[in-house]
Amino acid sequence: MKKSTLLTFGATSLMTLSLVSLPSAAADKGDAGKGKEVFEQCSVCHNADTDEKKMGPALKGLFKKEKMQNGKKPTEENVRGLINSGGNGMPAYEELLSAEERDNLIAYLKTL
């Protein structure tokens, strides 16, 4: 009885440790360095290092803001939706950027 309990505990502990140590899909999604390169085309309309508005809003501290200009909370999902569909003078980038480029861009925006 003790042997089976010990084996069950050991197996459960190993499974738990392996799950805890796996990085989440969102954590390893995108490369901020590559995203900075993608952002070069965005920088025509958006500032990344100041709060000054260009044609579009400044994106410095985007994910730390309470809300975006459209009134939505700046979550990854909402920012991705805006990048994909565009709006208010901004083109839709869903067909212009690959999924990897969009992931990289969002990773970069999170560093601002």
N, C-alpha and C. Protein backbone atom coordinates (compact mmCIF):
# COMPACT_ATOMS: atom_id res chain seq x y z
N MET A 1 0.82 -1.19 0.00
CA MET A 1 0.00 0.00 0.00
C MET A 1 0.87 1.26 0.00
N LYS A 2 1.87 1.30 0.86
CA LYS A 2 2.73 2.47 0.92
C LYS A 2 3.49 2.65 -0.40
N LYS A 3 3.89 1.54 -1.00
CA LYS A 3 4.65 1.60 -2.23
C LYS A 3 3.81 2.21 -3.36
N SER A 4 2.55 1.80 -3.48
CA SER A 4 1.70 2.34 -4.55
C SER A 4 1.38 3.81 -4.30
N THR A 5 1.18 4.19 -3.05
CA THR A 5 0.92 5.59 -2.72
C THR A 5 2.12 6.45 -3.07
N LEU A 6 3.31 5.96 -2.75
CA LEU A 6 4.53 6.68 -3.05
C LEU A 6 4.72 6.82 -4.56
N LEU A 7 4.45 5.76 -5.30
CA LEU A 7 4.58 5.80 -6.76
C LEU A 7 3.58 6.78 -7.36
N THR A 8 2.35 6.77 -6.87
CA THR A 8 1.33 7.69 -7.36
C THR A 8 1.72 9.13 -7.07
N PHE A 9 2.19 9.37 -5.86
CA PHE A 9 2.63 10.72 -5.49
C PHE A 9 3.78 11.17 -6.38
N GLY A 10 4.76 10.28 -6.60
CA GLY A 10 5.92 10.62 -7.43
C GLY A 10 5.51 10.92 -8.86
N ALA A 11 4.64 10.10 -9.43
CA ALA A 11 4.19 10.32 -10.80
C ALA A 11 3.40 11.62 -10.92
N THR A 12 2.54 11.87 -9.95
CA THR A 12 1.75 13.11 -9.95
C THR A 12 2.66 14.33 -9.83
N SER A 13 3.66 14.23 -8.98
CA SER A 13 4.60 15.34 -8.80
C SER A 13 5.36 15.62 -10.07
N LEU A 14 5.82 14.59 -10.74
CA LEU A 14 6.56 14.76 -12.00
C LEU A 14 5.68 15.38 -13.07
N MET A 15 4.43 14.94 -13.17
CA MET A 15 3.52 15.52 -14.15
C MET A 15 3.27 16.99 -13.85
N THR A 16 3.08 17.31 -12.59
CA THR A 16 2.84 18.69 -12.20
C THR A 16 4.05 19.55 -12.51
N LEU A 17 5.23 19.08 -12.17
CA LEU A 17 6.45 19.84 -12.44
C LEU A 17 6.64 20.06 -13.93
N SER A 18 6.38 19.04 -14.73
CA SER A 18 6.57 19.20 -16.17
C SER A 18 5.59 20.20 -16.74
N LEU A 19 4.36 20.24 -16.22
CA LEU A 19 3.38 21.21 -16.71
C LEU A 19 3.74 22.62 -16.28
N VAL A 20 4.24 22.77 -15.07
CA VAL A 20 4.60 24.09 -14.55
C VAL A 20 5.80 24.65 -15.30
N SER A 21 6.72 23.81 -15.70
CA SER A 21 7.94 24.30 -16.32
C SER A 21 7.80 24.58 -17.81
N LEU A 22 6.68 24.13 -18.42
CA LEU A 22 6.48 24.40 -19.83
C LEU A 22 6.10 25.86 -20.03
N PRO A 23 6.75 26.56 -20.98
CA PRO A 23 6.35 27.94 -21.23
C PRO A 23 5.00 27.97 -21.90
N SER A 24 4.22 28.98 -21.60
CA SER A 24 2.92 29.09 -22.24
C SER A 24 3.10 29.50 -23.69
N ALA A 25 2.12 29.19 -24.50
CA ALA A 25 2.21 29.52 -25.93
C ALA A 25 2.31 31.03 -26.11
N ALA A 26 1.60 31.79 -25.28
CA ALA A 26 1.63 33.25 -25.42
C ALA A 26 2.98 33.82 -25.02
N ALA A 27 3.65 33.17 -24.07
CA ALA A 27 4.92 33.70 -23.57
C ALA A 27 6.01 33.64 -24.63
N ASP A 28 5.99 32.61 -25.47
CA ASP A 28 7.06 32.49 -26.45
C ASP A 28 6.60 32.89 -27.84
N LYS A 29 5.46 33.56 -27.95
CA LYS A 29 4.92 33.97 -29.22
C LYS A 29 5.50 35.31 -29.61
N GLY A 30 6.21 35.35 -30.71
CA GLY A 30 6.74 36.61 -31.22
C GLY A 30 8.14 36.92 -30.74
N ASP A 31 8.85 37.66 -31.57
CA ASP A 31 10.23 38.09 -31.31
C ASP A 31 10.24 39.60 -31.36
N ALA A 32 10.45 40.24 -30.21
CA ALA A 32 10.40 41.70 -30.12
C ALA A 32 11.44 42.37 -31.02
N GLY A 33 12.62 41.76 -31.15
CA GLY A 33 13.65 42.33 -32.02
C GLY A 33 13.20 42.38 -33.47
N LYS A 34 12.59 41.30 -33.92
CA LYS A 34 12.07 41.28 -35.29
C LYS A 34 10.85 42.19 -35.41
N GLY A 35 10.09 42.28 -34.33
CA GLY A 35 8.92 43.16 -34.32
C GLY A 35 9.30 44.62 -34.46
N LYS A 36 10.45 44.98 -33.93
CA LYS A 36 10.93 46.36 -34.07
C LYS A 36 11.18 46.68 -35.53
N GLU A 37 11.68 45.70 -36.28
CA GLU A 37 11.88 45.89 -37.72
C GLU A 37 10.55 46.05 -38.43
N VAL A 38 9.56 45.25 -38.06
CA VAL A 38 8.23 45.36 -38.65
C VAL A 38 7.64 46.73 -38.34
N PHE A 39 7.89 47.23 -37.13
CA PHE A 39 7.34 48.51 -36.70
C PHE A 39 7.85 49.68 -37.54
N GLU A 40 8.95 49.53 -38.23
CA GLU A 40 9.48 50.63 -39.05
C GLU A 40 8.42 51.17 -40.00
N GLN A 41 7.61 50.29 -40.58
CA GLN A 41 6.56 50.77 -41.48
C GLN A 41 5.42 51.45 -40.71
N CYS A 42 5.26 51.11 -39.45
CA CYS A 42 4.23 51.73 -38.60
C CYS A 42 4.68 53.11 -38.13
N SER A 43 6.01 53.29 -38.03
CA SER A 43 6.56 54.52 -37.47
C SER A 43 6.30 55.74 -38.35
N VAL A 44 5.84 55.53 -39.56
CA VAL A 44 5.46 56.66 -40.40
C VAL A 44 4.29 57.40 -39.75
N CYS A 45 3.41 56.65 -39.10
CA CYS A 45 2.22 57.25 -38.48
C CYS A 45 2.21 57.21 -36.95
N HIS A 46 3.06 56.38 -36.34
CA HIS A 46 3.02 56.20 -34.89
C HIS A 46 4.40 56.40 -34.26
N ASN A 47 4.44 57.13 -33.14
CA ASN A 47 5.66 57.24 -32.34
C ASN A 47 5.72 56.07 -31.37
N ALA A 48 6.92 55.57 -31.15
CA ALA A 48 7.12 54.49 -30.19
C ALA A 48 7.85 54.97 -28.94
N ASP A 49 8.55 56.08 -29.05
CA ASP A 49 9.40 56.52 -27.94
C ASP A 49 8.96 57.83 -27.29
N THR A 50 7.87 58.40 -27.76
CA THR A 50 7.32 59.61 -27.13
C THR A 50 5.80 59.47 -27.06
N ASP A 51 5.18 60.38 -26.35
CA ASP A 51 3.72 60.41 -26.27
C ASP A 51 3.10 61.31 -27.33
N GLU A 52 3.95 61.86 -28.20
CA GLU A 52 3.47 62.76 -29.25
C GLU A 52 2.73 62.00 -30.33
N LYS A 53 1.58 62.51 -30.69
CA LYS A 53 0.79 61.91 -31.75
C LYS A 53 1.37 62.32 -33.10
N LYS A 54 1.41 61.38 -34.02
CA LYS A 54 1.72 61.69 -35.43
C LYS A 54 0.37 61.65 -36.13
N MET A 55 0.29 60.98 -37.25
CA MET A 55 -1.01 60.79 -37.91
C MET A 55 -1.90 59.88 -37.06
N GLY A 56 -1.27 58.89 -36.42
CA GLY A 56 -1.96 57.99 -35.52
C GLY A 56 -1.47 58.22 -34.10
N PRO A 57 -2.08 57.57 -33.14
CA PRO A 57 -1.69 57.78 -31.74
C PRO A 57 -0.28 57.26 -31.44
N ALA A 58 0.34 57.87 -30.44
CA ALA A 58 1.64 57.38 -29.96
C ALA A 58 1.42 56.02 -29.30
N LEU A 59 2.37 55.13 -29.46
CA LEU A 59 2.21 53.78 -28.92
C LEU A 59 3.12 53.49 -27.74
N LYS A 60 3.83 54.51 -27.29
CA LYS A 60 4.67 54.34 -26.10
C LYS A 60 3.80 53.93 -24.92
N GLY A 61 4.15 52.85 -24.27
CA GLY A 61 3.40 52.38 -23.11
C GLY A 61 2.01 51.85 -23.45
N LEU A 62 1.81 51.42 -24.68
CA LEU A 62 0.49 50.99 -25.15
C LEU A 62 -0.18 50.00 -24.21
N PHE A 63 0.52 48.94 -23.82
CA PHE A 63 -0.09 47.91 -23.01
C PHE A 63 -0.22 48.31 -21.54
N LYS A 64 0.29 49.49 -21.18
CA LYS A 64 0.15 49.99 -19.81
C LYS A 64 -1.00 51.00 -19.69
N LYS A 65 -1.54 51.39 -20.84
CA LYS A 65 -2.61 52.38 -20.84
C LYS A 65 -3.93 51.76 -20.40
N GLU A 66 -4.80 52.60 -19.89
CA GLU A 66 -6.13 52.14 -19.46
C GLU A 66 -6.97 51.74 -20.66
N LYS A 67 -6.91 52.56 -21.73
CA LYS A 67 -7.67 52.24 -22.94
C LYS A 67 -7.01 52.84 -24.16
N MET A 68 -7.36 52.29 -25.30
CA MET A 68 -6.85 52.79 -26.57
C MET A 68 -7.80 53.88 -27.07
N GLN A 69 -7.46 54.53 -28.17
CA GLN A 69 -8.31 55.60 -28.70
C GLN A 69 -9.71 55.12 -29.04
N ASN A 70 -9.83 53.85 -29.40
CA ASN A 70 -11.15 53.31 -29.74
C ASN A 70 -11.96 52.96 -28.49
N GLY A 71 -11.40 53.22 -27.31
CA GLY A 71 -12.10 52.97 -26.06
C GLY A 71 -11.91 51.58 -25.49
N LYS A 72 -11.27 50.71 -26.25
CA LYS A 72 -11.06 49.34 -25.78
C LYS A 72 -9.80 49.24 -24.93
N LYS A 73 -9.80 48.27 -24.03
CA LYS A 73 -8.63 47.99 -23.21
C LYS A 73 -7.53 47.44 -24.12
N PRO A 74 -6.28 47.87 -23.95
CA PRO A 74 -5.20 47.40 -24.81
C PRO A 74 -4.72 45.98 -24.45
N THR A 75 -5.56 45.00 -24.70
CA THR A 75 -5.17 43.61 -24.52
C THR A 75 -4.52 43.13 -25.82
N GLU A 76 -3.83 42.02 -25.74
CA GLU A 76 -3.22 41.48 -26.96
C GLU A 76 -4.29 41.21 -28.02
N GLU A 77 -5.41 40.68 -27.59
CA GLU A 77 -6.50 40.37 -28.53
C GLU A 77 -7.03 41.63 -29.21
N ASN A 78 -7.25 42.71 -28.45
CA ASN A 78 -7.77 43.95 -29.02
C ASN A 78 -6.76 44.64 -29.92
N VAL A 79 -5.49 44.62 -29.54
CA VAL A 79 -4.45 45.24 -30.36
C VAL A 79 -4.31 44.44 -31.66
N ARG A 80 -4.31 43.13 -31.55
CA ARG A 80 -4.22 42.28 -32.74
C ARG A 80 -5.41 42.54 -33.68
N GLY A 81 -6.59 42.69 -33.11
CA GLY A 81 -7.78 42.97 -33.92
C GLY A 81 -7.65 44.29 -34.67
N LEU A 82 -7.12 45.30 -34.00
CA LEU A 82 -6.92 46.60 -34.64
C LEU A 82 -5.88 46.52 -35.75
N ILE A 83 -4.79 45.80 -35.50
CA ILE A 83 -3.76 45.63 -36.53
C ILE A 83 -4.36 44.90 -37.73
N ASN A 84 -5.12 43.85 -37.47
CA ASN A 84 -5.70 43.05 -38.55
C ASN A 84 -6.71 43.82 -39.38
N SER A 85 -7.62 44.54 -38.71
CA SER A 85 -8.72 45.18 -39.44
C SER A 85 -8.50 46.65 -39.77
N GLY A 86 -7.54 47.29 -39.09
CA GLY A 86 -7.29 48.71 -39.33
C GLY A 86 -8.48 49.54 -38.88
N GLY A 87 -8.62 50.70 -39.49
CA GLY A 87 -9.75 51.58 -39.17
C GLY A 87 -9.29 52.97 -38.87
N ASN A 88 -10.19 53.93 -39.07
CA ASN A 88 -9.91 55.33 -38.79
C ASN A 88 -8.66 55.82 -39.52
N GLY A 89 -8.53 55.44 -40.78
CA GLY A 89 -7.40 55.86 -41.60
C GLY A 89 -6.25 54.87 -41.62
N MET A 90 -6.23 53.92 -40.71
CA MET A 90 -5.17 52.91 -40.67
C MET A 90 -5.57 51.72 -41.55
N PRO A 91 -4.67 51.30 -42.43
CA PRO A 91 -5.01 50.15 -43.27
C PRO A 91 -5.06 48.86 -42.47
N ALA A 92 -5.77 47.89 -42.99
CA ALA A 92 -5.82 46.55 -42.39
C ALA A 92 -4.52 45.83 -42.76
N TYR A 93 -3.87 45.26 -41.75
CA TYR A 93 -2.60 44.58 -41.99
C TYR A 93 -2.71 43.06 -41.99
N GLU A 94 -3.93 42.53 -41.88
CA GLU A 94 -4.10 41.09 -41.84
C GLU A 94 -3.55 40.42 -43.11
N GLU A 95 -3.73 41.06 -44.25
CA GLU A 95 -3.24 40.51 -45.51
C GLU A 95 -1.86 41.05 -45.88
N LEU A 96 -1.43 42.12 -45.22
CA LEU A 96 -0.15 42.75 -45.55
C LEU A 96 1.01 42.19 -44.75
N LEU A 97 0.73 41.69 -43.55
CA LEU A 97 1.77 41.10 -42.70
C LEU A 97 1.44 39.63 -42.46
N SER A 98 2.46 38.82 -42.38
CA SER A 98 2.25 37.41 -42.07
C SER A 98 1.85 37.29 -40.59
N ALA A 99 1.33 36.13 -40.22
CA ALA A 99 0.96 35.89 -38.81
C ALA A 99 2.20 36.04 -37.93
N GLU A 100 3.34 35.56 -38.40
CA GLU A 100 4.58 35.68 -37.62
C GLU A 100 4.99 37.14 -37.46
N GLU A 101 4.87 37.93 -38.51
CA GLU A 101 5.20 39.36 -38.41
C GLU A 101 4.27 40.07 -37.43
N ARG A 102 3.00 39.71 -37.44
CA ARG A 102 2.06 40.33 -36.50
C ARG A 102 2.38 39.91 -35.07
N ASP A 103 2.75 38.63 -34.86
CA ASP A 103 3.17 38.17 -33.53
C ASP A 103 4.40 38.94 -33.06
N ASN A 104 5.36 39.11 -33.97
CA ASN A 104 6.59 39.85 -33.64
C ASN A 104 6.28 41.30 -33.31
N LEU A 105 5.40 41.91 -34.08
CA LEU A 105 5.02 43.31 -33.85
C LEU A 105 4.39 43.46 -32.47
N ILE A 106 3.50 42.58 -32.11
CA ILE A 106 2.85 42.66 -30.80
C ILE A 106 3.88 42.45 -29.69
N ALA A 107 4.81 41.53 -29.89
CA ALA A 107 5.87 41.31 -28.89
C ALA A 107 6.67 42.61 -28.71
N TYR A 108 6.95 43.32 -29.80
CA TYR A 108 7.67 44.59 -29.71
C TYR A 108 6.82 45.65 -29.00
N LEU A 109 5.55 45.75 -29.37
CA LEU A 109 4.68 46.75 -28.75
C LEU A 109 4.60 46.56 -27.24
N LYS A 110 4.70 45.33 -26.79
CA LYS A 110 4.67 45.06 -25.35
C LYS A 110 5.91 45.59 -24.64
N THR A 111 6.98 45.85 -25.38
CA THR A 111 8.22 46.36 -24.76
C THR A 111 8.21 47.87 -24.63
N LEU A 112 7.28 48.53 -25.28
CA LEU A 112 7.28 50.01 -25.28
C LEU A 112 6.81 50.59 -23.97
